[in-house]
Amino acid sequence: MSEVYLAVAIAEMAVAVVLMVRLALGPTVSDRVVALNAASTQAALAVLFFAAYADRTVYLDVALWLASFSYLGGIVWARYLERGLL
């Protein structure tokens, strides 16, 4: 069963890499913000599944930290876009 967790973690990172390409090629700032938020969410999920694979609880803290700051970063970018600072 632990091999499934590793496979899912690798697949999540592959999706994050595709989203990084979208981040680099996004035509607007809004597209780039959405791609960055989605990529960081995928990375948090990859860390979560790797924690299950490695049977280490310390990685759960990293996944929680990454997900929470991803959400906070999306809010900050939205505020900048709302005010027209970019």
Protein backbone atom coordinates (compact mmCIF):
# COMPACT_ATOMS: atom_id res chain seq x y z
CA MET A 1 0.00 0.00 0.00
CA SER A 2 2.86 2.38 0.65
CA GLU A 3 3.93 2.18 -3.00
CA VAL A 4 0.58 3.71 -3.92
CA TYR A 5 1.33 6.69 -1.70
CA LEU A 6 4.69 7.17 -3.40
CA ALA A 7 3.09 6.93 -6.85
CA VAL A 8 0.47 9.52 -5.92
CA ALA A 9 3.16 11.85 -4.53
CA ILE A 10 5.13 11.58 -7.78
CA ALA A 11 1.98 12.21 -9.82
CA GLU A 12 1.15 15.28 -7.74
CA MET A 13 4.62 16.68 -8.36
CA ALA A 14 4.22 16.03 -12.09
CA VAL A 15 1.02 18.09 -12.04
CA ALA A 16 2.87 20.82 -10.13
CA VAL A 17 5.55 20.90 -12.84
CA VAL A 18 2.88 21.33 -15.53
CA LEU A 19 1.40 24.17 -13.49
CA MET A 20 4.84 25.79 -13.27
CA VAL A 21 4.93 25.86 -17.06
CA ARG A 22 1.55 27.60 -16.96
CA LEU A 23 3.00 30.00 -14.39
CA ALA A 24 5.82 30.91 -16.75
CA LEU A 25 3.65 31.24 -19.86
CA GLY A 26 0.50 32.77 -18.35
CA PRO A 27 -0.70 35.70 -20.43
CA THR A 28 -2.06 37.67 -17.47
CA VAL A 29 -1.10 38.14 -13.86
CA SER A 30 -4.35 36.54 -12.76
CA ASP A 31 -3.50 33.35 -14.66
CA ARG A 32 -0.12 33.26 -13.00
CA VAL A 33 -1.59 33.73 -9.52
CA VAL A 34 -4.03 30.88 -10.05
CA ALA A 35 -1.26 28.63 -11.40
CA LEU A 36 0.99 29.43 -8.44
CA ASN A 37 -1.78 28.75 -5.95
CA ALA A 38 -2.68 25.46 -7.62
CA ALA A 39 0.98 24.38 -7.87
CA SER A 40 1.61 25.04 -4.20
CA THR A 41 -1.53 23.11 -3.30
CA GLN A 42 -0.31 20.19 -5.41
CA ALA A 43 3.07 20.38 -3.70
CA ALA A 44 1.40 20.29 -0.29
CA LEU A 45 -0.55 17.21 -1.34
CA ALA A 46 2.65 15.59 -2.59
CA VAL A 47 4.31 16.20 0.78
CA LEU A 48 1.24 14.81 2.53
CA PHE A 49 1.33 11.59 0.52
CA PHE A 50 5.09 11.32 0.96
CA ALA A 51 4.56 11.59 4.71
CA ALA A 52 2.16 8.66 4.49
CA TYR A 53 4.66 6.72 2.39
CA ALA A 54 7.61 7.40 4.68
CA ASP A 55 5.49 6.97 7.83
CA ARG A 56 6.88 10.24 9.23
CA THR A 57 4.63 12.71 10.99
CA VAL A 58 7.13 15.56 10.80
CA TYR A 59 6.28 16.01 7.12
CA LEU A 60 2.66 16.67 8.03
CA ASP A 61 3.73 19.93 9.65
CA VAL A 62 5.50 20.91 6.44
CA ALA A 63 2.41 20.11 4.36
CA LEU A 64 0.17 22.11 6.68
CA TRP A 65 2.56 25.07 6.64
CA LEU A 66 2.81 24.98 2.85
CA ALA A 67 -0.95 24.80 2.37
CA SER A 68 -1.67 27.62 4.81
CA PHE A 69 0.89 29.99 3.35
CA SER A 70 -0.31 29.13 -0.14
CA TYR A 71 -3.79 30.26 0.85
CA LEU A 72 -2.42 33.41 2.48
CA GLY A 73 -0.32 34.19 -0.60
CA GLY A 74 -3.39 33.92 -2.83
CA ILE A 75 -5.21 36.41 -0.64
CA VAL A 76 -2.29 38.84 -0.75
CA TRP A 77 -2.05 38.63 -4.55
CA ALA A 78 -5.80 39.16 -4.83
CA ARG A 79 -5.53 42.31 -2.73
CA TYR A 80 -2.73 43.66 -4.93
CA LEU A 81 -4.74 42.93 -8.06
CA GLU A 82 -7.86 44.47 -6.58
CA ARG A 83 -6.10 47.73 -5.80
CA GLY A 84 -4.44 47.87 -9.21
CA LEU A 85 -0.90 47.82 -7.87
CA LEU A 86 0.27 45.38 -10.55
